[in-house]
Amino acid sequence: MKKSAKGTNISPPLRPASSAPWLSKTTPPRLEIVDLGLIDPDPLHVRKAIQDEALKGLVNAVRKLGLIHPIVVRPTGSHRYQVIAGERRRQAALQAGETTVPVIVRTCSDEEALEVRVFENIGLGVRSALEPREMANAVQAIATRFASAEEAAQYFGRAPTWLAQATAAANLSEKVSAL
């Protein structure tokens, strides 16, 4: 491995996309904390528009907890980076006033970046959604910390009606949930 100007390790270039390099243990990604101003969106990103309204909950979470999942980036030269996966997180961090964010740095081609984006966004092997009752129980556990439903809903950056709907499954009997 070579050293960059900042003294951090630089991984060697990855193999062609057909060999699924992001799964390789021989070319590990690097976790870094990077100035948000050095991260550019990818002009070829498949998601062309992100509505501010759709980011409201994520912005709220970033303000309260910071960025939970790192943004996946690739180096573009001159100590700048380009988003591979996490453009919504990047925009939310900007709106939340963050100045630095955790990133996973991957050296990859345009083709590899597209493959990573697709797998990240369709969630193959990446995410598994909670069952509705599990999510309702989790939201309810957080909501009980607050004096009122309005305060809890505000914490989530949502309306009180959302909170009532989000926690409704937690109050269902096991028999009803099984239907």
Protein backbone atom coordinates (compact mmCIF):
# COMPACT_ATOMS: atom_id res chain seq x y z
CA MET A 1 0.00 0.00 0.00
CA LYS A 2 1.11 3.55 -0.74
CA LYS A 3 0.78 6.53 1.57
CA SER A 4 -1.25 9.58 0.54
CA ALA A 5 -0.20 13.17 1.21
CA LYS A 6 -2.28 12.99 4.41
CA GLY A 7 -0.39 9.88 5.51
CA THR A 8 -3.35 7.50 5.29
CA ASN A 9 -3.11 4.21 3.45
CA ILE A 10 -4.29 4.12 -0.15
CA SER A 11 -5.68 0.81 -1.39
CA PRO A 12 -4.54 -0.42 -4.80
CA PRO A 13 -7.01 -0.10 -7.72
CA LEU A 14 -9.71 -2.74 -7.87
CA ARG A 15 -10.24 -5.44 -10.48
CA PRO A 16 -12.89 -5.16 -13.23
CA ALA A 17 -16.55 -4.98 -12.17
CA SER A 18 -17.27 -8.53 -13.26
CA SER A 19 -15.14 -9.84 -10.39
CA ALA A 20 -17.24 -8.01 -7.74
CA PRO A 21 -14.27 -6.19 -6.15
CA TRP A 22 -16.21 -4.66 -3.26
CA LEU A 23 -16.61 -8.19 -1.93
CA SER A 24 -12.86 -8.83 -2.03
CA LYS A 25 -11.01 -9.04 1.27
CA THR A 26 -7.72 -8.25 -0.48
CA THR A 27 -8.75 -4.66 -1.24
CA PRO A 28 -10.34 -3.41 1.99
CA PRO A 29 -12.10 -0.07 2.02
CA ARG A 30 -10.92 2.69 4.35
CA LEU A 31 -13.07 4.38 6.97
CA GLU A 32 -12.28 8.08 7.28
CA ILE A 33 -13.79 11.28 8.66
CA VAL A 34 -13.93 13.75 5.78
CA ASP A 35 -14.84 17.42 5.41
CA LEU A 36 -18.31 17.44 3.83
CA GLY A 37 -17.21 20.20 1.46
CA LEU A 38 -14.78 17.77 -0.20
CA ILE A 39 -17.55 15.33 -1.21
CA ASP A 40 -19.23 15.90 -4.58
CA PRO A 41 -22.43 14.28 -5.84
CA ASP A 42 -22.06 11.87 -8.75
CA PRO A 43 -23.51 13.44 -11.91
CA LEU A 44 -24.28 9.93 -13.19
CA HIS A 45 -26.23 8.94 -10.06
CA VAL A 46 -29.38 6.99 -10.88
CA ARG A 47 -31.51 9.04 -8.46
CA LYS A 48 -31.90 12.38 -10.24
CA ALA A 49 -34.01 14.35 -7.74
CA ILE A 50 -34.31 14.22 -3.98
CA GLN A 51 -37.16 16.27 -2.56
CA ASP A 52 -36.43 18.33 0.57
CA GLU A 53 -39.67 17.06 2.11
CA ALA A 54 -38.48 13.46 1.71
CA LEU A 55 -35.25 14.33 3.56
CA LYS A 56 -36.95 15.96 6.57
CA GLY A 57 -36.87 12.85 8.78
CA LEU A 58 -33.28 12.03 7.82
CA VAL A 59 -32.15 15.62 8.48
CA ASN A 60 -33.84 15.46 11.88
CA ALA A 61 -32.07 12.17 12.69
CA VAL A 62 -28.68 13.56 11.62
CA ARG A 63 -29.20 16.64 13.80
CA LYS A 64 -30.00 14.46 16.81
CA LEU A 65 -27.65 11.51 16.35
CA GLY A 66 -25.15 12.43 13.66
CA LEU A 67 -24.70 10.35 10.52
CA ILE A 68 -25.36 6.76 11.56
CA HIS A 69 -24.14 5.03 8.37
CA PRO A 70 -21.05 6.24 6.52
CA ILE A 71 -21.33 7.56 2.98
CA VAL A 72 -19.55 5.37 0.42
CA VAL A 73 -17.24 7.50 -1.74
CA ARG A 74 -14.44 7.15 -4.23
CA PRO A 75 -11.42 9.40 -4.56
CA THR A 76 -11.46 11.76 -7.56
CA GLY A 77 -8.07 13.42 -7.07
CA SER A 78 -6.95 16.63 -5.35
CA HIS A 79 -8.17 15.19 -2.02
CA ARG A 80 -11.80 15.27 -3.24
CA TYR A 81 -14.35 12.47 -3.26
CA GLN A 82 -17.46 11.48 -5.21
CA VAL A 83 -20.51 9.79 -3.69
CA ILE A 84 -21.07 6.17 -4.70
CA ALA A 85 -23.83 5.40 -2.18
CA GLY A 86 -25.37 7.79 0.32
CA GLU A 87 -26.36 10.89 -1.64
CA ARG A 88 -29.45 11.34 0.55
CA ARG A 89 -27.22 11.10 3.65
CA ARG A 90 -24.83 13.68 2.15
CA GLN A 91 -27.66 16.12 1.46
CA ALA A 92 -29.20 15.54 4.90
CA ALA A 93 -25.83 16.14 6.58
CA LEU A 94 -25.49 19.42 4.66
CA GLN A 95 -28.99 20.53 5.69
CA ALA A 96 -28.31 19.49 9.30
CA GLY A 97 -25.22 21.70 9.39
CA GLU A 98 -22.64 18.93 9.68
CA THR A 99 -19.10 19.85 8.62
CA THR A 100 -17.47 16.41 8.67
CA VAL A 101 -18.93 12.96 8.04
CA PRO A 102 -17.77 9.35 8.21
CA VAL A 103 -17.07 7.84 4.80
CA ILE A 104 -16.00 4.51 3.42
CA VAL A 105 -13.46 5.17 0.67
CA ARG A 106 -13.48 2.74 -2.26
CA THR A 107 -11.34 2.99 -5.35
CA CYS A 108 -13.52 1.83 -8.25
CA SER A 109 -14.50 2.44 -11.86
CA ASP A 110 -17.74 4.03 -13.09
CA GLU A 111 -19.12 0.54 -13.80
CA GLU A 112 -18.29 -0.71 -10.32
CA ALA A 113 -19.78 2.43 -8.74
CA LEU A 114 -23.03 1.82 -10.63
CA GLU A 115 -23.17 -1.79 -9.45
CA VAL A 116 -22.60 -0.75 -5.82
CA ARG A 117 -25.36 1.90 -6.11
CA VAL A 118 -27.85 -0.57 -7.51
CA PHE A 119 -27.16 -3.21 -4.86
CA GLU A 120 -27.25 -0.59 -2.10
CA ASN A 121 -30.57 0.85 -3.24
CA ILE A 122 -32.39 -2.41 -3.90
CA GLY A 123 -31.04 -3.74 -0.64
CA LEU A 124 -29.81 -7.12 -1.84
CA GLY A 125 -27.88 -8.45 1.10
CA VAL A 126 -27.63 -4.95 2.56
CA ARG A 127 -30.88 -4.27 4.38
CA SER A 128 -33.71 -6.22 5.86
CA ALA A 129 -36.75 -4.21 6.86
CA LEU A 130 -38.23 -4.68 10.31
CA GLU A 131 -41.60 -6.34 10.51
CA PRO A 132 -44.38 -3.79 11.19
CA ARG A 133 -44.87 -4.96 14.77
CA GLU A 134 -41.10 -4.84 15.44
CA MET A 135 -40.92 -1.29 14.09
CA ALA A 136 -44.00 -0.25 16.08
CA ASN A 137 -42.47 -1.63 19.29
CA ALA A 138 -39.19 0.19 18.64
CA VAL A 139 -40.90 3.51 17.91
CA GLN A 140 -43.14 3.09 20.95
CA ALA A 141 -40.14 2.37 23.20
CA ILE A 142 -38.57 5.68 22.16
CA ALA A 143 -41.89 7.58 22.34
CA THR A 144 -42.45 6.53 25.97
CA ARG A 145 -39.45 8.65 26.98
CA PHE A 146 -41.42 11.82 26.25
CA ALA A 147 -44.12 13.55 28.28
CA SER A 148 -46.54 13.71 25.35
CA ALA A 149 -47.20 12.24 21.92
CA GLU A 150 -46.58 15.69 20.43
CA GLU A 151 -43.08 15.85 21.95
CA ALA A 152 -42.30 12.33 20.75
CA ALA A 153 -43.56 13.07 17.24
CA GLN A 154 -41.46 16.24 17.18
CA TYR A 155 -38.40 14.19 18.15
CA PHE A 156 -38.98 11.99 15.08
CA GLY A 157 -39.62 15.05 12.92
CA ARG A 158 -43.13 13.81 12.16
CA ALA A 159 -46.74 14.72 12.90
CA PRO A 160 -48.52 13.24 15.95
CA THR A 161 -50.81 11.34 13.57
CA TRP A 162 -47.75 9.56 12.18
CA LEU A 163 -46.73 8.53 15.68
CA ALA A 164 -50.19 7.08 16.36
CA GLN A 165 -50.08 5.13 13.11
CA ALA A 166 -46.46 4.04 13.58
CA THR A 167 -47.15 2.59 17.03
CA ALA A 168 -50.58 1.09 16.35
CA ALA A 169 -49.22 -2.38 15.57
CA ALA A 170 -47.51 -2.50 18.98
CA ASN A 171 -50.92 -2.51 20.63
CA LEU A 172 -52.37 -5.36 18.57
CA SER A 173 -52.74 -8.80 20.08
CA GLU A 174 -50.48 -11.61 18.81
CA LYS A 175 -53.50 -13.26 17.13
CA VAL A 176 -54.41 -10.12 15.20
CA SER A 177 -50.79 -9.52 14.19
CA ALA A 178 -50.52 -13.06 12.84
CA LEU A 179 -53.37 -12.46 10.35
